[in-house]
Amino acid sequence: MSDDSSKEREILMVMRKVLAQIVKDTTPEFKTMKHPLSPSTIKDIKQCFALIAARERELADAAGAVRERPYFADEKPAAEVVPLHKVGKPRKEEE
């Protein structure tokens, strides 16, 4: 990965984090409260997130990175590790 694209990825990551923090800090504690940001500002922030995500995807594709997808910690993994002693013929239990 070139130094320019690395710097661009870093800038995009910081921009995404700052925008997310602004949204978090301005979101009212209760849903009954009026949001301090106007609907058009909220729409613009969503568009910024979409543009950042699209550019991050372009940079990842150009770098040949594998697509990453989020997962839950309690989600069952796609691959299961099988101990070698369990591979092969089933052992007969001795009586």
N, C-alpha and C. Protein backbone atom coordinates (compact mmCIF):
# COMPACT_ATOMS: atom_id res chain seq x y z
N MET A 1 0.85 -1.17 0.00
CA MET A 1 0.00 0.00 0.00
C MET A 1 0.89 1.22 0.00
N SER A 2 0.57 2.21 -0.82
CA SER A 2 1.39 3.41 -0.92
C SER A 2 1.18 4.31 0.29
N ASP A 3 2.12 5.22 0.46
CA ASP A 3 2.06 6.13 1.59
C ASP A 3 0.85 7.07 1.47
N ASP A 4 0.51 7.45 0.22
CA ASP A 4 -0.63 8.35 -0.01
C ASP A 4 -1.95 7.69 0.37
N SER A 5 -2.14 6.46 -0.06
CA SER A 5 -3.40 5.79 0.26
C SER A 5 -3.48 5.46 1.74
N SER A 6 -2.35 5.20 2.36
CA SER A 6 -2.33 4.95 3.79
C SER A 6 -2.76 6.20 4.55
N LYS A 7 -2.25 7.34 4.13
CA LYS A 7 -2.60 8.62 4.75
C LYS A 7 -4.08 8.92 4.53
N GLU A 8 -4.56 8.63 3.31
CA GLU A 8 -5.98 8.87 3.01
C GLU A 8 -6.88 7.99 3.87
N ARG A 9 -6.49 6.73 4.05
CA ARG A 9 -7.27 5.83 4.91
C ARG A 9 -7.31 6.35 6.33
N GLU A 10 -6.18 6.87 6.80
CA GLU A 10 -6.11 7.42 8.16
C GLU A 10 -7.02 8.64 8.30
N ILE A 11 -7.00 9.51 7.29
CA ILE A 11 -7.86 10.70 7.31
C ILE A 11 -9.33 10.30 7.32
N LEU A 12 -9.70 9.35 6.48
CA LEU A 12 -11.09 8.89 6.42
C LEU A 12 -11.53 8.28 7.75
N MET A 13 -10.64 7.52 8.38
CA MET A 13 -10.97 6.89 9.65
C MET A 13 -11.21 7.96 10.73
N VAL A 14 -10.36 8.97 10.77
CA VAL A 14 -10.52 10.04 11.75
C VAL A 14 -11.80 10.82 11.48
N MET A 15 -12.09 11.10 10.22
CA MET A 15 -13.32 11.82 9.87
C MET A 15 -14.55 11.03 10.31
N ARG A 16 -14.53 9.72 10.06
CA ARG A 16 -15.67 8.87 10.45
C ARG A 16 -15.85 8.88 11.96
N LYS A 17 -14.74 8.78 12.71
CA LYS A 17 -14.82 8.77 14.17
C LYS A 17 -15.31 10.11 14.72
N VAL A 18 -14.84 11.21 14.14
CA VAL A 18 -15.27 12.53 14.60
C VAL A 18 -16.75 12.74 14.32
N LEU A 19 -17.19 12.37 13.13
CA LEU A 19 -18.63 12.49 12.81
C LEU A 19 -19.47 11.64 13.75
N ALA A 20 -19.03 10.44 14.02
CA ALA A 20 -19.78 9.56 14.93
C ALA A 20 -19.84 10.15 16.33
N GLN A 21 -18.75 10.75 16.78
CA GLN A 21 -18.73 11.36 18.10
C GLN A 21 -19.65 12.58 18.16
N ILE A 22 -19.70 13.36 17.08
CA ILE A 22 -20.61 14.51 17.03
C ILE A 22 -22.05 14.03 17.12
N VAL A 23 -22.38 12.99 16.38
CA VAL A 23 -23.74 12.43 16.43
C VAL A 23 -24.05 11.94 17.83
N LYS A 24 -23.10 11.24 18.42
CA LYS A 24 -23.30 10.70 19.78
C LYS A 24 -23.50 11.82 20.80
N ASP A 25 -22.67 12.85 20.70
CA ASP A 25 -22.75 13.96 21.66
C ASP A 25 -24.01 14.81 21.51
N THR A 26 -24.55 14.90 20.30
CA THR A 26 -25.72 15.75 20.08
C THR A 26 -27.04 14.99 20.16
N THR A 27 -27.00 13.68 20.22
CA THR A 27 -28.23 12.90 20.30
C THR A 27 -28.84 13.07 21.69
N PRO A 28 -30.11 13.44 21.77
CA PRO A 28 -30.75 13.62 23.07
C PRO A 28 -30.83 12.31 23.85
N GLU A 29 -30.82 12.45 25.17
CA GLU A 29 -30.85 11.27 26.03
C GLU A 29 -32.16 10.50 25.90
N PHE A 30 -33.24 11.24 25.74
CA PHE A 30 -34.56 10.62 25.64
C PHE A 30 -35.14 10.87 24.25
N LYS A 31 -35.86 9.90 23.72
CA LYS A 31 -36.44 10.03 22.39
C LYS A 31 -37.53 11.09 22.33
N THR A 32 -38.07 11.45 23.46
CA THR A 32 -39.13 12.47 23.49
C THR A 32 -38.56 13.88 23.31
N MET A 33 -37.24 14.03 23.50
CA MET A 33 -36.61 15.34 23.35
C MET A 33 -36.35 15.64 21.88
N LYS A 34 -36.38 16.93 21.53
CA LYS A 34 -36.13 17.34 20.15
C LYS A 34 -34.63 17.27 19.87
N HIS A 35 -34.29 16.76 18.71
CA HIS A 35 -32.87 16.66 18.33
C HIS A 35 -32.35 18.05 17.98
N PRO A 36 -31.16 18.42 18.48
CA PRO A 36 -30.64 19.76 18.21
C PRO A 36 -30.22 19.99 16.75
N LEU A 37 -29.98 18.94 16.01
CA LEU A 37 -29.60 19.09 14.61
C LEU A 37 -30.84 19.07 13.73
N SER A 38 -30.81 19.87 12.68
CA SER A 38 -31.96 19.91 11.77
C SER A 38 -31.99 18.64 10.93
N PRO A 39 -33.17 18.30 10.40
CA PRO A 39 -33.26 17.10 9.55
C PRO A 39 -32.32 17.14 8.35
N SER A 40 -32.12 18.33 7.77
CA SER A 40 -31.22 18.42 6.62
C SER A 40 -29.76 18.17 7.04
N THR A 41 -29.38 18.61 8.24
CA THR A 41 -28.03 18.34 8.74
C THR A 41 -27.84 16.85 8.99
N ILE A 42 -28.84 16.21 9.55
CA ILE A 42 -28.78 14.77 9.80
C ILE A 42 -28.64 14.02 8.47
N LYS A 43 -29.39 14.46 7.46
CA LYS A 43 -29.30 13.85 6.13
C LYS A 43 -27.89 14.04 5.55
N ASP A 44 -27.32 15.24 5.71
CA ASP A 44 -25.97 15.51 5.21
C ASP A 44 -24.92 14.65 5.92
N ILE A 45 -25.08 14.45 7.22
CA ILE A 45 -24.14 13.60 7.97
C ILE A 45 -24.21 12.16 7.46
N LYS A 46 -25.43 11.69 7.20
CA LYS A 46 -25.59 10.33 6.66
C LYS A 46 -24.91 10.21 5.30
N GLN A 47 -25.02 11.25 4.47
CA GLN A 47 -24.36 11.24 3.16
C GLN A 47 -22.84 11.23 3.32
N CYS A 48 -22.34 11.96 4.32
CA CYS A 48 -20.90 11.96 4.59
C CYS A 48 -20.43 10.57 4.97
N PHE A 49 -21.19 9.90 5.84
CA PHE A 49 -20.83 8.53 6.22
C PHE A 49 -20.82 7.62 4.99
N ALA A 50 -21.79 7.78 4.11
CA ALA A 50 -21.86 6.94 2.91
C ALA A 50 -20.67 7.20 1.99
N LEU A 51 -20.30 8.47 1.83
CA LEU A 51 -19.14 8.80 0.99
C LEU A 51 -17.84 8.26 1.58
N ILE A 52 -17.69 8.38 2.89
CA ILE A 52 -16.49 7.86 3.55
C ILE A 52 -16.41 6.35 3.36
N ALA A 53 -17.53 5.66 3.57
CA ALA A 53 -17.55 4.21 3.43
C ALA A 53 -17.24 3.79 1.99
N ALA A 54 -17.79 4.52 1.02
CA ALA A 54 -17.53 4.19 -0.38
C ALA A 54 -16.06 4.36 -0.73
N ARG A 55 -15.45 5.46 -0.25
CA ARG A 55 -14.03 5.69 -0.55
C ARG A 55 -13.15 4.67 0.15
N GLU A 56 -13.51 4.30 1.39
CA GLU A 56 -12.74 3.27 2.10
C GLU A 56 -12.81 1.94 1.34
N ARG A 57 -13.99 1.63 0.79
CA ARG A 57 -14.15 0.41 0.00
C ARG A 57 -13.29 0.46 -1.26
N GLU A 58 -13.28 1.62 -1.93
CA GLU A 58 -12.45 1.78 -3.14
C GLU A 58 -10.97 1.58 -2.82
N LEU A 59 -10.51 2.16 -1.73
CA LEU A 59 -9.11 2.02 -1.34
C LEU A 59 -8.78 0.57 -0.99
N ALA A 60 -9.70 -0.10 -0.31
CA ALA A 60 -9.48 -1.50 0.05
C ALA A 60 -9.44 -2.38 -1.19
N ASP A 61 -10.33 -2.12 -2.14
CA ASP A 61 -10.34 -2.90 -3.39
C ASP A 61 -9.06 -2.67 -4.19
N ALA A 62 -8.60 -1.43 -4.22
CA ALA A 62 -7.37 -1.11 -4.95
C ALA A 62 -6.15 -1.77 -4.30
N ALA A 63 -6.21 -1.92 -2.98
CA ALA A 63 -5.10 -2.55 -2.26
C ALA A 63 -5.20 -4.07 -2.30
N GLY A 64 -6.32 -4.59 -2.80
CA GLY A 64 -6.51 -6.04 -2.87
C GLY A 64 -6.89 -6.65 -1.54
N ALA A 65 -7.43 -5.84 -0.66
CA ALA A 65 -7.82 -6.34 0.67
C ALA A 65 -9.09 -7.17 0.55
N VAL A 66 -9.20 -8.16 1.41
CA VAL A 66 -10.38 -9.01 1.46
C VAL A 66 -11.48 -8.22 2.16
N ARG A 67 -12.69 -8.34 1.66
CA ARG A 67 -13.82 -7.65 2.28
C ARG A 67 -14.02 -8.15 3.70
N GLU A 68 -14.07 -7.20 4.61
CA GLU A 68 -14.30 -7.53 6.00
C GLU A 68 -15.76 -7.29 6.32
N ARG A 69 -16.28 -8.13 7.19
CA ARG A 69 -17.64 -7.90 7.61
C ARG A 69 -17.71 -8.05 9.12
N PRO A 70 -18.52 -7.24 9.78
CA PRO A 70 -18.59 -7.31 11.24
C PRO A 70 -19.24 -8.60 11.69
N TYR A 71 -18.93 -9.01 12.90
CA TYR A 71 -19.54 -10.21 13.47
C TYR A 71 -19.74 -10.00 14.96
N PHE A 72 -20.65 -10.77 15.53
CA PHE A 72 -20.91 -10.72 16.96
C PHE A 72 -19.95 -11.65 17.67
N ALA A 73 -19.59 -11.30 18.89
CA ALA A 73 -18.64 -12.11 19.66
C ALA A 73 -19.21 -13.50 19.95
N ASP A 74 -20.53 -13.60 20.11
CA ASP A 74 -21.13 -14.89 20.41
C ASP A 74 -21.58 -15.65 19.16
N GLU A 75 -21.28 -15.10 17.98
CA GLU A 75 -21.65 -15.74 16.72
C GLU A 75 -20.77 -16.97 16.49
N LYS A 76 -21.40 -18.05 16.03
CA LYS A 76 -20.65 -19.28 15.78
C LYS A 76 -19.75 -19.07 14.57
N PRO A 77 -18.48 -19.41 14.68
CA PRO A 77 -17.57 -19.22 13.54
C PRO A 77 -17.93 -20.14 12.37
N ALA A 78 -17.56 -19.71 11.16
CA ALA A 78 -17.86 -20.48 9.96
C ALA A 78 -17.07 -21.78 9.93
N ALA A 79 -15.86 -21.77 10.47
CA ALA A 79 -15.01 -22.95 10.49
C ALA A 79 -14.91 -23.47 11.92
N GLU A 80 -14.88 -24.78 12.06
CA GLU A 80 -14.78 -25.38 13.39
C GLU A 80 -13.46 -26.15 13.48
N VAL A 81 -12.72 -25.91 14.55
CA VAL A 81 -11.45 -26.59 14.76
C VAL A 81 -11.73 -27.98 15.33
N VAL A 82 -11.18 -28.99 14.68
CA VAL A 82 -11.37 -30.37 15.12
C VAL A 82 -10.02 -30.91 15.60
N PRO A 83 -9.96 -31.38 16.84
CA PRO A 83 -8.70 -31.95 17.32
C PRO A 83 -8.31 -33.18 16.49
N LEU A 84 -7.02 -33.35 16.26
CA LEU A 84 -6.55 -34.45 15.41
C LEU A 84 -6.89 -35.82 15.98
N HIS A 85 -6.94 -35.95 17.28
CA HIS A 85 -7.24 -37.27 17.84
C HIS A 85 -8.69 -37.70 17.56
N LYS A 86 -9.52 -36.78 17.12
CA LYS A 86 -10.91 -37.13 16.77
C LYS A 86 -11.08 -37.43 15.29
N VAL A 87 -10.04 -37.24 14.50
CA VAL A 87 -10.10 -37.49 13.06
C VAL A 87 -9.83 -38.98 12.83
N GLY A 88 -10.56 -39.55 11.92
CA GLY A 88 -10.34 -40.96 11.59
C GLY A 88 -11.51 -41.81 12.01
N LYS A 89 -11.24 -43.13 12.18
CA LYS A 89 -12.29 -44.06 12.56
C LYS A 89 -12.70 -43.83 14.01
N PRO A 90 -13.99 -43.97 14.25
CA PRO A 90 -14.43 -43.86 15.65
C PRO A 90 -13.89 -45.04 16.46
N ARG A 91 -13.45 -44.76 17.65
CA ARG A 91 -12.88 -45.80 18.51
C ARG A 91 -14.03 -46.55 19.20
N LYS A 92 -13.85 -47.85 19.32
CA LYS A 92 -14.83 -48.67 20.03
C LYS A 92 -14.53 -48.54 21.52
N GLU A 93 -15.58 -48.35 22.27
CA GLU A 93 -15.39 -48.23 23.71
C GLU A 93 -15.17 -49.63 24.30
N GLU A 94 -14.17 -49.74 25.12
CA GLU A 94 -13.86 -51.02 25.78
C GLU A 94 -14.75 -51.19 26.99
N GLU A 95 -15.25 -52.39 27.15
CA GLU A 95 -16.16 -52.66 28.27
C GLU A 95 -15.46 -53.36 29.39
